[in-house]
């Protein structure tokens, strides 16, 4: 089984991805009300804390895999 997991450098890109999500929330929701609400308002209210939550959640997820060669 092939598993792709982010490195810490890849995980450091989280703030950039989340900014794109926030941008789409503001730019697209107005004309696409059917979009799923992923709680972006919570992220926008405290970006640093929420980014850490997302990164730590991913780390916990990644640690469930035995990736030793």
PDB file of N, CA and C in Angstrom:
ATOM      1  N   UNK A   1       0.850  -1.179   0.000  1.00  0.00           N
ATOM      2  CA  UNK A   1       0.000   0.000   0.000  1.00  0.00           C
ATOM      3  C   UNK A   1       0.894   1.240   0.000  1.00  0.00           C
ATOM      4  N   UNK A   2       0.607   2.160  -0.884  1.00  0.00           N
ATOM      5  CA  UNK A   2       1.327   3.427  -0.932  1.00  0.00           C
ATOM      6  C   UNK A   2       0.562   4.478  -0.146  1.00  0.00           C
ATOM      7  N   UNK A   3       1.268   5.142   0.745  1.00  0.00           N
ATOM      8  CA  UNK A   3       0.657   6.186   1.556  1.00  0.00           C
ATOM      9  C   UNK A   3       1.472   7.460   1.389  1.00  0.00           C
ATOM     10  N   UNK A   4       0.790   8.539   1.056  1.00  0.00           N
ATOM     11  CA  UNK A   4       1.445   9.837   0.984  1.00  0.00           C
ATOM     12  C   UNK A   4       1.071  10.621   2.230  1.00  0.00           C
ATOM     13  N   UNK A   5       2.073  11.038   2.973  1.00  0.00           N
ATOM     14  CA  UNK A   5       1.860  11.878   4.139  1.00  0.00           C
ATOM     15  C   UNK A   5       2.686  13.149   3.985  1.00  0.00           C
ATOM     16  N   UNK A   6       2.133  14.239   4.447  1.00  0.00           N
ATOM     17  CA  UNK A   6       2.848  15.507   4.375  1.00  0.00           C
ATOM     18  C   UNK A   6       4.067  15.496   5.287  1.00  0.00           C
ATOM     19  N   UNK A   7       5.113  16.154   4.836  1.00  0.00           N
ATOM     20  CA  UNK A   7       6.259  16.410   5.699  1.00  0.00           C
ATOM     21  C   UNK A   7       5.943  17.657   6.521  1.00  0.00           C
ATOM     22  N   UNK A   8       6.808  17.987   7.454  1.00  0.00           N
ATOM     23  CA  UNK A   8       6.603  19.212   8.230  1.00  0.00           C
ATOM     24  C   UNK A   8       6.654  20.440   7.318  1.00  0.00           C
ATOM     25  N   UNK A   9       7.483  20.389   6.276  1.00  0.00           N
ATOM     26  CA  UNK A   9       7.521  21.508   5.326  1.00  0.00           C
ATOM     27  C   UNK A   9       6.187  21.629   4.600  1.00  0.00           C
ATOM     28  N   UNK A  10       5.610  20.520   4.212  1.00  0.00           N
ATOM     29  CA  UNK A  10       4.303  20.547   3.562  1.00  0.00           C
ATOM     30  C   UNK A  10       3.218  21.024   4.513  1.00  0.00           C
ATOM     31  N   UNK A  11       3.298  20.575   5.743  1.00  0.00           N
ATOM     32  CA  UNK A  11       2.318  20.972   6.749  1.00  0.00           C
ATOM     33  C   UNK A  11       2.431  22.455   7.079  1.00  0.00           C
ATOM     34  N   UNK A  12       3.621  23.017   6.919  1.00  0.00           N
ATOM     35  CA  UNK A  12       3.826  24.446   7.156  1.00  0.00           C
ATOM     36  C   UNK A  12       3.081  25.304   6.127  1.00  0.00           C
ATOM     37  N   UNK A  13       2.627  24.676   5.056  1.00  0.00           N
ATOM     38  CA  UNK A  13       1.874  25.373   4.000  1.00  0.00           C
ATOM     39  C   UNK A  13       0.402  25.552   4.387  1.00  0.00           C
ATOM     40  N   UNK A  14      -0.012  24.988   5.513  1.00  0.00           N
ATOM     41  CA  UNK A  14      -1.404  25.061   5.969  1.00  0.00           C
ATOM     42  C   UNK A  14      -1.965  26.478   5.975  1.00  0.00           C
ATOM     43  N   UNK A  15      -1.246  27.478   6.498  1.00  0.00           N
ATOM     44  CA  UNK A  15      -1.815  28.840   6.515  1.00  0.00           C
ATOM     45  C   UNK A  15      -2.161  29.366   5.120  1.00  0.00           C
ATOM     46  N   UNK A  16      -1.361  29.014   4.144  1.00  0.00           N
ATOM     47  CA  UNK A  16      -1.617  29.460   2.770  1.00  0.00           C
ATOM     48  C   UNK A  16      -2.903  28.826   2.241  1.00  0.00           C
ATOM     49  N   UNK A  17      -3.048  27.526   2.454  1.00  0.00           N
ATOM     50  CA  UNK A  17      -4.253  26.824   2.002  1.00  0.00           C
ATOM     51  C   UNK A  17      -5.485  27.388   2.689  1.00  0.00           C
ATOM     52  N   UNK A  18      -5.378  27.637   3.991  1.00  0.00           N
ATOM     53  CA  UNK A  18      -6.519  28.162   4.731  1.00  0.00           C
ATOM     54  C   UNK A  18      -6.880  29.580   4.288  1.00  0.00           C
ATOM     55  N   UNK A  19      -5.904  30.370   3.896  1.00  0.00           N
ATOM     56  CA  UNK A  19      -6.206  31.700   3.351  1.00  0.00           C
ATOM     57  C   UNK A  19      -6.982  31.583   2.046  1.00  0.00           C
ATOM     58  N   UNK A  20      -6.661  30.590   1.232  1.00  0.00           N
ATOM     59  CA  UNK A  20      -7.418  30.356   0.001  1.00  0.00           C
ATOM     60  C   UNK A  20      -8.853  29.938   0.320  1.00  0.00           C
ATOM     61  N   UNK A  21      -9.014  29.120   1.343  1.00  0.00           N
ATOM     62  CA  UNK A  21     -10.351  28.725   1.774  1.00  0.00           C
ATOM     63  C   UNK A  21     -11.136  29.946   2.240  1.00  0.00           C
ATOM     64  N   UNK A  22     -10.489  30.800   3.032  1.00  0.00           N
ATOM     65  CA  UNK A  22     -11.150  32.016   3.517  1.00  0.00           C
ATOM     66  C   UNK A  22     -11.515  32.935   2.349  1.00  0.00           C
ATOM     67  N   UNK A  23     -10.622  33.046   1.387  1.00  0.00           N
ATOM     68  CA  UNK A  23     -10.906  33.878   0.213  1.00  0.00           C
ATOM     69  C   UNK A  23     -12.131  33.344  -0.524  1.00  0.00           C
ATOM     70  N   UNK A  24     -12.185  32.023  -0.700  1.00  0.00           N
ATOM     71  CA  UNK A  24     -13.328  31.459  -1.435  1.00  0.00           C
ATOM     72  C   UNK A  24     -14.618  31.667  -0.656  1.00  0.00           C
ATOM     73  N   UNK A  25     -14.534  31.627   0.672  1.00  0.00           N
ATOM     74  CA  UNK A  25     -15.723  31.870   1.494  1.00  0.00           C
ATOM     75  C   UNK A  25     -16.290  33.257   1.201  1.00  0.00           C
ATOM     76  N   UNK A  26     -15.430  34.249   1.192  1.00  0.00           N
ATOM     77  CA  UNK A  26     -15.886  35.618   0.949  1.00  0.00           C
ATOM     78  C   UNK A  26     -16.251  35.871  -0.509  1.00  0.00           C
ATOM     79  N   UNK A  27     -15.499  35.264  -1.406  1.00  0.00           N
ATOM     80  CA  UNK A  27     -15.668  35.585  -2.826  1.00  0.00           C
ATOM     81  C   UNK A  27     -16.728  34.750  -3.526  1.00  0.00           C
ATOM     82  N   UNK A  28     -16.957  33.544  -3.067  1.00  0.00           N
ATOM     83  CA  UNK A  28     -17.836  32.650  -3.806  1.00  0.00           C
ATOM     84  C   UNK A  28     -19.183  32.373  -3.148  1.00  0.00           C
ATOM     85  N   UNK A  29     -19.238  32.414  -1.820  1.00  0.00           N
ATOM     86  CA  UNK A  29     -20.476  32.049  -1.140  1.00  0.00           C
ATOM     87  C   UNK A  29     -21.645  32.934  -1.556  1.00  0.00           C
ATOM     88  N   UNK A  30     -21.366  34.196  -1.804  1.00  0.00           N
ATOM     89  CA  UNK A  30     -22.436  35.129  -2.173  1.00  0.00           C
ATOM     90  C   UNK A  30     -23.198  34.651  -3.405  1.00  0.00           C
ATOM     91  N   UNK A  31     -22.484  34.116  -4.381  1.00  0.00           N
ATOM     92  CA  UNK A  31     -23.157  33.674  -5.607  1.00  0.00           C
ATOM     93  C   UNK A  31     -23.389  32.160  -5.658  1.00  0.00           C
ATOM     94  N   UNK A  32     -22.902  31.434  -4.644  1.00  0.00           N
ATOM     95  CA  UNK A  32     -23.072  29.975  -4.596  1.00  0.00           C
ATOM     96  C   UNK A  32     -23.489  29.563  -3.181  1.00  0.00           C
ATOM     97  N   UNK A  33     -24.691  29.872  -2.820  1.00  0.00           N
ATOM     98  CA  UNK A  33     -25.166  29.614  -1.463  1.00  0.00           C
ATOM     99  C   UNK A  33     -25.235  28.128  -1.122  1.00  0.00           C
ATOM    100  N   UNK A  34     -25.179  27.274  -2.122  1.00  0.00           N
ATOM    101  CA  UNK A  34     -25.248  25.833  -1.872  1.00  0.00           C
ATOM    102  C   UNK A  34     -23.919  25.257  -1.373  1.00  0.00           C
ATOM    103  N   UNK A  35     -22.875  26.064  -1.340  1.00  0.00           N
ATOM    104  CA  UNK A  35     -21.569  25.597  -0.870  1.00  0.00           C
ATOM    105  C   UNK A  35     -21.681  25.087   0.565  1.00  0.00           C
ATOM    106  N   UNK A  36     -20.946  24.028   0.851  1.00  0.00           N
ATOM    107  CA  UNK A  36     -20.921  23.471   2.199  1.00  0.00           C
ATOM    108  C   UNK A  36     -20.210  24.432   3.137  1.00  0.00           C
ATOM    109  N   UNK A  37     -20.761  24.601   4.328  1.00  0.00           N
ATOM    110  CA  UNK A  37     -20.140  25.466   5.327  1.00  0.00           C
ATOM    111  C   UNK A  37     -19.157  24.632   6.145  1.00  0.00           C
ATOM    112  N   UNK A  38     -17.886  24.919   6.001  1.00  0.00           N
ATOM    113  CA  UNK A  38     -16.848  24.189   6.717  1.00  0.00           C
ATOM    114  C   UNK A  38     -16.388  24.918   7.977  1.00  0.00           C
ATOM    115  N   UNK A  39     -17.152  25.887   8.430  1.00  0.00           N
ATOM    116  CA  UNK A  39     -16.778  26.601   9.643  1.00  0.00           C
ATOM    117  C   UNK A  39     -15.646  27.581   9.425  1.00  0.00           C
ATOM    118  N   UNK A  40     -15.585  28.164   8.248  1.00  0.00           N
ATOM    119  CA  UNK A  40     -14.505  29.090   7.919  1.00  0.00           C
ATOM    120  C   UNK A  40     -14.527  30.308   8.833  1.00  0.00           C
ATOM    121  N   UNK A  41     -15.696  30.717   9.283  1.00  0.00           N
ATOM    122  CA  UNK A  41     -15.775  31.879  10.173  1.00  0.00           C
ATOM    123  C   UNK A  41     -14.980  31.639  11.450  1.00  0.00           C
ATOM    124  N   UNK A  42     -14.989  30.407  11.954  1.00  0.00           N
ATOM    125  CA  UNK A  42     -14.203  30.067  13.140  1.00  0.00           C
ATOM    126  C   UNK A  42     -12.724  30.228  12.853  1.00  0.00           C
ATOM    127  N   UNK A  43     -12.297  29.768  11.673  1.00  0.00           N
ATOM    128  CA  UNK A  43     -10.891  29.906  11.293  1.00  0.00           C
ATOM    129  C   UNK A  43     -10.500  31.376  11.195  1.00  0.00           C
ATOM    130  N   UNK A  44     -11.329  32.159  10.540  1.00  0.00           N
ATOM    131  CA  UNK A  44     -11.012  33.567  10.314  1.00  0.00           C
ATOM    132  C   UNK A  44     -10.922  34.327  11.636  1.00  0.00           C
ATOM    133  N   UNK A  45     -11.718  33.927  12.616  1.00  0.00           N
ATOM    134  CA  UNK A  45     -11.734  34.646  13.884  1.00  0.00           C
ATOM    135  C   UNK A  45     -10.433  34.485  14.667  1.00  0.00           C
ATOM    136  N   UNK A  46      -9.725  33.380  14.470  1.00  0.00           N
ATOM    137  CA  UNK A  46      -8.458  33.171  15.170  1.00  0.00           C
ATOM    138  C   UNK A  46      -7.571  32.266  14.326  1.00  0.00           C
ATOM    139  N   UNK A  47      -6.940  32.847  13.323  1.00  0.00           N
ATOM    140  CA  UNK A  47      -6.188  32.079  12.336  1.00  0.00           C
ATOM    141  C   UNK A  47      -5.036  31.281  12.934  1.00  0.00           C
ATOM    142  N   UNK A  48      -4.277  31.889  13.834  1.00  0.00           N
ATOM    143  CA  UNK A  48      -3.118  31.200  14.400  1.00  0.00           C
ATOM    144  C   UNK A  48      -3.537  29.969  15.185  1.00  0.00           C
ATOM    145  N   UNK A  49      -4.504  30.140  16.067  1.00  0.00           N
ATOM    146  CA  UNK A  49      -4.964  29.012  16.882  1.00  0.00           C
ATOM    147  C   UNK A  49      -5.581  27.921  16.021  1.00  0.00           C
ATOM    148  N   UNK A  50      -6.420  28.291  15.081  1.00  0.00           N
ATOM    149  CA  UNK A  50      -7.084  27.303  14.236  1.00  0.00           C
ATOM    150  C   UNK A  50      -6.101  26.580  13.330  1.00  0.00           C
ATOM    151  N   UNK A  51      -5.071  27.278  12.844  1.00  0.00           N
ATOM    152  CA  UNK A  51      -4.047  26.628  12.030  1.00  0.00           C
ATOM    153  C   UNK A  51      -3.321  25.572  12.852  1.00  0.00           C
ATOM    154  N   UNK A  52      -3.003  25.889  14.098  1.00  0.00           N
ATOM    155  CA  UNK A  52      -2.349  24.919  14.977  1.00  0.00           C
ATOM    156  C   UNK A  52      -3.244  23.709  15.231  1.00  0.00           C
ATOM    157  N   UNK A  53      -4.534  23.945  15.395  1.00  0.00           N
ATOM    158  CA  UNK A  53      -5.479  22.837  15.591  1.00  0.00           C
ATOM    159  C   UNK A  53      -5.478  21.923  14.369  1.00  0.00           C
ATOM    160  N   UNK A  54      -5.531  22.504  13.197  1.00  0.00           N
ATOM    161  CA  UNK A  54      -5.537  21.718  11.954  1.00  0.00           C
ATOM    162  C   UNK A  54      -4.232  20.936  11.817  1.00  0.00           C
ATOM    163  N   UNK A  55      -3.107  21.596  12.052  1.00  0.00           N
ATOM    164  CA  UNK A  55      -1.815  20.921  11.924  1.00  0.00           C
ATOM    165  C   UNK A  55      -1.676  19.789  12.945  1.00  0.00           C
ATOM    166  N   UNK A  56      -2.074  20.029  14.175  1.00  0.00           N
ATOM    167  CA  UNK A  56      -1.970  18.983  15.201  1.00  0.00           C
ATOM    168  C   UNK A  56      -2.913  17.822  14.909  1.00  0.00           C
ATOM    169  N   UNK A  57      -4.094  18.115  14.402  1.00  0.00           N
ATOM    170  CA  UNK A  57      -5.018  17.046  14.013  1.00  0.00           C
ATOM    171  C   UNK A  57      -4.410  16.188  12.915  1.00  0.00           C
ATOM    172  N   UNK A  58      -3.763  16.832  11.955  1.00  0.00           N
ATOM    173  CA  UNK A  58      -3.117  16.082  10.876  1.00  0.00           C
ATOM    174  C   UNK A  58      -1.977  15.233  11.421  1.00  0.00           C
ATOM    175  N   UNK A  59      -1.181  15.798  12.312  1.00  0.00           N
ATOM    176  CA  UNK A  59      -0.076  15.029  12.896  1.00  0.00           C
ATOM    177  C   UNK A  59      -0.604  13.791  13.623  1.00  0.00           C
ATOM    178  N   UNK A  60      -1.685  13.958  14.373  1.00  0.00           N
ATOM    179  CA  UNK A  60      -2.284  12.810  15.066  1.00  0.00           C
ATOM    180  C   UNK A  60      -2.752  11.761  14.066  1.00  0.00           C
ATOM    181  N   UNK A  61      -3.372  12.210  12.995  1.00  0.00           N
ATOM    182  CA  UNK A  61      -3.818  11.301  11.932  1.00  0.00           C
ATOM    183  C   UNK A  61      -2.610  10.572  11.322  1.00  0.00           C
ATOM    184  N   UNK A  62      -1.579  11.308  10.976  1.00  0.00           N
ATOM    185  CA  UNK A  62      -0.402  10.729  10.328  1.00  0.00           C
ATOM    186  C   UNK A  62       0.302   9.731  11.232  1.00  0.00           C
ATOM    187  N   UNK A  63       0.261   9.971  12.522  1.00  0.00           N
ATOM    188  CA  UNK A  63       0.932   9.064  13.454  1.00  0.00           C
ATOM    189  C   UNK A  63       0.226   7.714  13.587  1.00  0.00           C
ATOM    190  N   UNK A  64      -0.959   7.582  13.025  1.00  0.00           N
ATOM    191  CA  UNK A  64      -1.668   6.300  13.088  1.00  0.00           C
ATOM    192  C   UNK A  64      -1.123   5.305  12.071  1.00  0.00           C
ATOM    193  N   UNK A  65      -0.267   5.756  11.173  1.00  0.00           N
ATOM    194  CA  UNK A  65       0.300   4.882  10.139  1.00  0.00           C
ATOM    195  C   UNK A  65       1.687   4.415  10.556  1.00  0.00           C
ATOM    196  N   UNK A  66       1.947   3.156  10.324  1.00  0.00           N
ATOM    197  CA  UNK A  66       3.277   2.608  10.566  1.00  0.00           C
ATOM    198  C   UNK A  66       4.064   2.806   9.287  1.00  0.00           C
ATOM    199  N   UNK A  67       4.923   3.815   9.261  1.00  0.00           N
ATOM    200  CA  UNK A  67       5.642   4.149   8.030  1.00  0.00           C
ATOM    201  C   UNK A  67       7.105   3.747   8.079  1.00  0.00           C
ATOM    202  N   UNK A  68       7.470   2.902   9.027  1.00  0.00           N
ATOM    203  CA  UNK A  68       8.857   2.425   9.091  1.00  0.00           C
ATOM    204  C   UNK A  68       9.112   1.500   7.915  1.00  0.00           C
ATOM    205  N   UNK A  69      10.223   1.687   7.221  1.00  0.00           N
ATOM    206  CA  UNK A  69      10.532   0.849   6.052  1.00  0.00           C
ATOM    207  C   UNK A  69      10.766  -0.590   6.409  1.00  0.00           C
TER     208      UNK A  69
END
